[in-house]
Amino acid sequence: MRRLLVGLSVGLAALAGCAPRATRPTPEEKREPEVVRPEKPPPARGWLEEGLASYYGPGLAGRPTASGEKFNPQKFTAAHKKLPFGSCLRVVNMENGRSVEVRVNDRGPFVKGRVVDVSTAAAKQLGMMDKGLARVRLYRCADKTG
């Protein structure tokens, strides 16, 4: 029995020694496959964001905004955390259905739960002057070239 085990072990070792060596992968085989990520589709819901809007008023008139332009409470402008300066937003007050188009020229708001700060002129058009806050949805402005 012992001879059989020794013979089997020697035979397996000999066979393993005769096996072809593994070849090294070529540089092309080494390269990891490219990960192709699909482009992020636009939101199906149509709107960009929903939350609270606040407004900033005459007390800041003439002070520089984050874009460098001076704040004018009578212009239809807004502050947003991420959107590029110059972006056009349509802000819709969900409580009364009123809306206004504003141009992003500042950064903010920096209060949790708020998605946009609008100028006094925009706040008047949205009908939010009494409360100071309004539940809103933000949309991209419609393309006016077509």
C-alpha atoms as a PDB file:
ATOM      1  CA  MET A   1       0.000   0.000   0.000  1.00  0.00           C
ATOM      2  CA  ARG A   2       2.833   2.305   0.871  1.00  0.00           C
ATOM      3  CA  ARG A   3       4.527   1.637  -2.453  1.00  0.00           C
ATOM      4  CA  LEU A   4       1.311   2.482  -4.225  1.00  0.00           C
ATOM      5  CA  LEU A   5       1.045   5.855  -2.467  1.00  0.00           C
ATOM      6  CA  VAL A   6       4.704   6.669  -3.120  1.00  0.00           C
ATOM      7  CA  GLY A   7       4.339   5.690  -6.768  1.00  0.00           C
ATOM      8  CA  LEU A   8       1.221   7.759  -7.163  1.00  0.00           C
ATOM      9  CA  SER A   9       2.884  10.786  -5.572  1.00  0.00           C
ATOM     10  CA  VAL A  10       5.973  10.482  -7.802  1.00  0.00           C
ATOM     11  CA  GLY A  11       3.781  10.073 -10.878  1.00  0.00           C
ATOM     12  CA  LEU A  12       1.702  13.157 -10.085  1.00  0.00           C
ATOM     13  CA  ALA A  13       4.827  15.195  -9.394  1.00  0.00           C
ATOM     14  CA  ALA A  14       6.295  14.144 -12.739  1.00  0.00           C
ATOM     15  CA  LEU A  15       3.123  15.089 -14.567  1.00  0.00           C
ATOM     16  CA  ALA A  16       3.017  18.475 -12.851  1.00  0.00           C
ATOM     17  CA  GLY A  17       6.602  19.128 -13.902  1.00  0.00           C
ATOM     18  CA  CYS A  18       5.701  18.470 -17.538  1.00  0.00           C
ATOM     19  CA  ALA A  19       2.824  20.907 -17.576  1.00  0.00           C
ATOM     20  CA  PRO A  20       3.381  23.972 -19.798  1.00  0.00           C
ATOM     21  CA  ARG A  21       4.381  27.135 -18.006  1.00  0.00           C
ATOM     22  CA  ALA A  22       1.919  29.951 -17.768  1.00  0.00           C
ATOM     23  CA  THR A  23       2.725  32.660 -20.284  1.00  0.00           C
ATOM     24  CA  ARG A  24       3.008  36.258 -19.259  1.00  0.00           C
ATOM     25  CA  PRO A  25       0.126  38.423 -20.437  1.00  0.00           C
ATOM     26  CA  THR A  26       0.909  40.882 -23.198  1.00  0.00           C
ATOM     27  CA  PRO A  27       0.555  44.604 -22.364  1.00  0.00           C
ATOM     28  CA  GLU A  28      -2.783  44.607 -24.173  1.00  0.00           C
ATOM     29  CA  GLU A  29      -4.044  41.728 -22.043  1.00  0.00           C
ATOM     30  CA  LYS A  30      -2.747  43.376 -18.858  1.00  0.00           C
ATOM     31  CA  ARG A  31      -4.719  46.565 -19.472  1.00  0.00           C
ATOM     32  CA  GLU A  32      -7.957  46.610 -17.554  1.00  0.00           C
ATOM     33  CA  PRO A  33     -11.048  47.035 -19.694  1.00  0.00           C
ATOM     34  CA  GLU A  34     -12.407  50.566 -19.922  1.00  0.00           C
ATOM     35  CA  VAL A  35     -15.464  51.182 -17.859  1.00  0.00           C
ATOM     36  CA  VAL A  36     -18.039  52.902 -19.998  1.00  0.00           C
ATOM     37  CA  ARG A  37     -20.482  54.840 -17.900  1.00  0.00           C
ATOM     38  CA  PRO A  38     -23.676  55.913 -19.588  1.00  0.00           C
ATOM     39  CA  GLU A  39     -24.445  59.611 -19.600  1.00  0.00           C
ATOM     40  CA  LYS A  40     -26.702  60.643 -16.774  1.00  0.00           C
ATOM     41  CA  PRO A  41     -30.183  61.034 -18.219  1.00  0.00           C
ATOM     42  CA  PRO A  42     -32.103  64.208 -17.440  1.00  0.00           C
ATOM     43  CA  PRO A  43     -34.521  63.861 -14.533  1.00  0.00           C
ATOM     44  CA  ALA A  44     -37.781  62.315 -15.682  1.00  0.00           C
ATOM     45  CA  ARG A  45     -39.767  64.605 -13.419  1.00  0.00           C
ATOM     46  CA  GLY A  46     -38.839  67.756 -15.365  1.00  0.00           C
ATOM     47  CA  TRP A  47     -37.902  69.883 -12.377  1.00  0.00           C
ATOM     48  CA  LEU A  48     -34.444  70.329 -10.884  1.00  0.00           C
ATOM     49  CA  GLU A  49     -35.056  70.818  -7.193  1.00  0.00           C
ATOM     50  CA  GLU A  50     -37.760  71.311  -4.628  1.00  0.00           C
ATOM     51  CA  GLY A  51     -37.522  73.013  -1.245  1.00  0.00           C
ATOM     52  CA  LEU A  52     -37.818  76.329   0.520  1.00  0.00           C
ATOM     53  CA  ALA A  53     -37.084  79.677  -1.061  1.00  0.00           C
ATOM     54  CA  SER A  54     -36.199  82.775   0.892  1.00  0.00           C
ATOM     55  CA  TYR A  55     -35.427  86.265  -0.295  1.00  0.00           C
ATOM     56  CA  TYR A  56     -32.821  88.867   0.402  1.00  0.00           C
ATOM     57  CA  GLY A  57     -33.743  92.469   0.195  1.00  0.00           C
ATOM     58  CA  PRO A  58     -32.705  96.090   0.140  1.00  0.00           C
ATOM     59  CA  GLY A  59     -30.254  95.824   3.043  1.00  0.00           C
ATOM     60  CA  LEU A  60     -27.722  94.201   0.729  1.00  0.00           C
ATOM     61  CA  ALA A  61     -28.215  96.574  -2.223  1.00  0.00           C
ATOM     62  CA  GLY A  62     -24.954  97.547  -3.880  1.00  0.00           C
ATOM     63  CA  ARG A  63     -22.897  94.845  -2.179  1.00  0.00           C
ATOM     64  CA  PRO A  64     -20.964  92.486  -4.447  1.00  0.00           C
ATOM     65  CA  THR A  65     -22.435  89.059  -5.167  1.00  0.00           C
ATOM     66  CA  ALA A  66     -20.315  85.937  -5.587  1.00  0.00           C
ATOM     67  CA  SER A  67     -20.269  86.552  -9.353  1.00  0.00           C
ATOM     68  CA  GLY A  68     -18.774  90.001  -8.779  1.00  0.00           C
ATOM     69  CA  GLU A  69     -21.787  91.996  -9.897  1.00  0.00           C
ATOM     70  CA  LYS A  70     -23.462  94.363  -7.444  1.00  0.00           C
ATOM     71  CA  PHE A  71     -26.712  93.179  -5.910  1.00  0.00           C
ATOM     72  CA  ASN A  72     -29.788  95.053  -7.090  1.00  0.00           C
ATOM     73  CA  PRO A  73     -33.000  94.014  -5.261  1.00  0.00           C
ATOM     74  CA  GLN A  74     -35.091  95.317  -8.164  1.00  0.00           C
ATOM     75  CA  LYS A  75     -33.594  92.842 -10.667  1.00  0.00           C
ATOM     76  CA  PHE A  76     -34.804  89.268 -11.041  1.00  0.00           C
ATOM     77  CA  THR A  77     -31.771  87.477  -9.660  1.00  0.00           C
ATOM     78  CA  ALA A  78     -31.113  84.573  -7.300  1.00  0.00           C
ATOM     79  CA  ALA A  79     -28.522  82.746  -5.262  1.00  0.00           C
ATOM     80  CA  HIS A  80     -28.056  79.007  -5.777  1.00  0.00           C
ATOM     81  CA  LYS A  81     -25.463  76.672  -4.261  1.00  0.00           C
ATOM     82  CA  LYS A  82     -24.243  74.924  -7.430  1.00  0.00           C
ATOM     83  CA  LEU A  83     -25.764  76.199 -10.682  1.00  0.00           C
ATOM     84  CA  PRO A  84     -23.412  78.226 -12.893  1.00  0.00           C
ATOM     85  CA  PHE A  85     -23.624  82.001 -12.790  1.00  0.00           C
ATOM     86  CA  GLY A  86     -25.887  83.262 -15.555  1.00  0.00           C
ATOM     87  CA  SER A  87     -28.156  80.191 -15.425  1.00  0.00           C
ATOM     88  CA  CYS A  88     -31.814  80.977 -15.898  1.00  0.00           C
ATOM     89  CA  LEU A  89     -34.220  79.381 -13.409  1.00  0.00           C
ATOM     90  CA  ARG A  90     -37.983  79.347 -13.339  1.00  0.00           C
ATOM     91  CA  VAL A  91     -39.070  79.397  -9.705  1.00  0.00           C
ATOM     92  CA  VAL A  92     -42.623  78.201  -9.051  1.00  0.00           C
ATOM     93  CA  ASN A  93     -44.342  78.891  -5.722  1.00  0.00           C
ATOM     94  CA  MET A  94     -46.142  75.606  -4.999  1.00  0.00           C
ATOM     95  CA  GLU A  95     -48.519  77.281  -2.550  1.00  0.00           C
ATOM     96  CA  ASN A  96     -50.080  79.744  -5.015  1.00  0.00           C
ATOM     97  CA  GLY A  97     -48.836  78.648  -8.478  1.00  0.00           C
ATOM     98  CA  ARG A  98     -47.091  81.959  -9.214  1.00  0.00           C
ATOM     99  CA  SER A  99     -43.741  81.815 -11.001  1.00  0.00           C
ATOM    100  CA  VAL A 100     -40.821  84.006 -11.995  1.00  0.00           C
ATOM    101  CA  GLU A 101     -37.685  83.617 -14.088  1.00  0.00           C
ATOM    102  CA  VAL A 102     -34.454  84.623 -12.365  1.00  0.00           C
ATOM    103  CA  ARG A 103     -30.763  84.679 -13.281  1.00  0.00           C
ATOM    104  CA  VAL A 104     -28.269  83.049 -10.887  1.00  0.00           C
ATOM    105  CA  ASN A 105     -25.611  85.576  -9.865  1.00  0.00           C
ATOM    106  CA  ASP A 106     -24.794  84.598  -6.280  1.00  0.00           C
ATOM    107  CA  ARG A 107     -24.101  81.601  -4.015  1.00  0.00           C
ATOM    108  CA  GLY A 108     -26.400  80.438  -1.254  1.00  0.00           C
ATOM    109  CA  PRO A 109     -28.646  79.953   0.582  1.00  0.00           C
ATOM    110  CA  PHE A 110     -26.600  78.531   3.413  1.00  0.00           C
ATOM    111  CA  VAL A 111     -29.532  77.430   5.560  1.00  0.00           C
ATOM    112  CA  LYS A 112     -30.495  73.732   5.640  1.00  0.00           C
ATOM    113  CA  GLY A 113     -33.586  72.935   3.581  1.00  0.00           C
ATOM    114  CA  ARG A 114     -33.450  76.072   1.447  1.00  0.00           C
ATOM    115  CA  VAL A 115     -32.758  75.685  -2.255  1.00  0.00           C
ATOM    116  CA  VAL A 116     -32.743  79.281  -3.514  1.00  0.00           C
ATOM    117  CA  ASP A 117     -32.603  82.895  -2.335  1.00  0.00           C
ATOM    118  CA  VAL A 118     -34.399  85.295  -4.664  1.00  0.00           C
ATOM    119  CA  SER A 119     -34.232  89.084  -4.932  1.00  0.00           C
ATOM    120  CA  THR A 120     -36.971  91.332  -3.551  1.00  0.00           C
ATOM    121  CA  ALA A 121     -38.469  91.862  -7.031  1.00  0.00           C
ATOM    122  CA  ALA A 122     -38.701  88.093  -7.582  1.00  0.00           C
ATOM    123  CA  ALA A 123     -40.145  87.535  -4.092  1.00  0.00           C
ATOM    124  CA  LYS A 124     -42.900  90.094  -4.793  1.00  0.00           C
ATOM    125  CA  GLN A 125     -43.828  88.339  -8.034  1.00  0.00           C
ATOM    126  CA  LEU A 126     -43.881  84.972  -6.239  1.00  0.00           C
ATOM    127  CA  GLY A 127     -46.158  86.403  -3.525  1.00  0.00           C
ATOM    128  CA  MET A 128     -43.864  85.450  -0.659  1.00  0.00           C
ATOM    129  CA  MET A 129     -43.185  88.840   0.931  1.00  0.00           C
ATOM    130  CA  ASP A 130     -45.495  88.311   3.926  1.00  0.00           C
ATOM    131  CA  LYS A 131     -44.187  84.900   4.966  1.00  0.00           C
ATOM    132  CA  GLY A 132     -40.596  85.393   3.864  1.00  0.00           C
ATOM    133  CA  LEU A 133     -40.397  81.737   2.800  1.00  0.00           C
ATOM    134  CA  ALA A 134     -42.214  79.671   0.195  1.00  0.00           C
ATOM    135  CA  ARG A 135     -42.194  76.035  -0.897  1.00  0.00           C
ATOM    136  CA  VAL A 136     -40.908  76.101  -4.487  1.00  0.00           C
ATOM    137  CA  ARG A 137     -39.840  73.971  -7.400  1.00  0.00           C
ATOM    138  CA  LEU A 138     -36.963  75.007  -9.620  1.00  0.00           C
ATOM    139  CA  TYR A 139     -37.039  74.412 -13.380  1.00  0.00           C
ATOM    140  CA  ARG A 140     -34.667  75.324 -16.183  1.00  0.00           C
ATOM    141  CA  CYS A 141     -36.015  78.248 -18.188  1.00  0.00           C
ATOM    142  CA  ALA A 142     -37.699  77.349 -21.457  1.00  0.00           C
ATOM    143  CA  ASP A 143     -35.590  77.808 -24.581  1.00  0.00           C
ATOM    144  CA  LYS A 144     -36.800  80.996 -26.256  1.00  0.00           C
ATOM    145  CA  THR A 145     -34.921  80.524 -29.546  1.00  0.00           C
ATOM    146  CA  GLY A 146     -37.426  78.145 -31.125  1.00  0.00           C
END
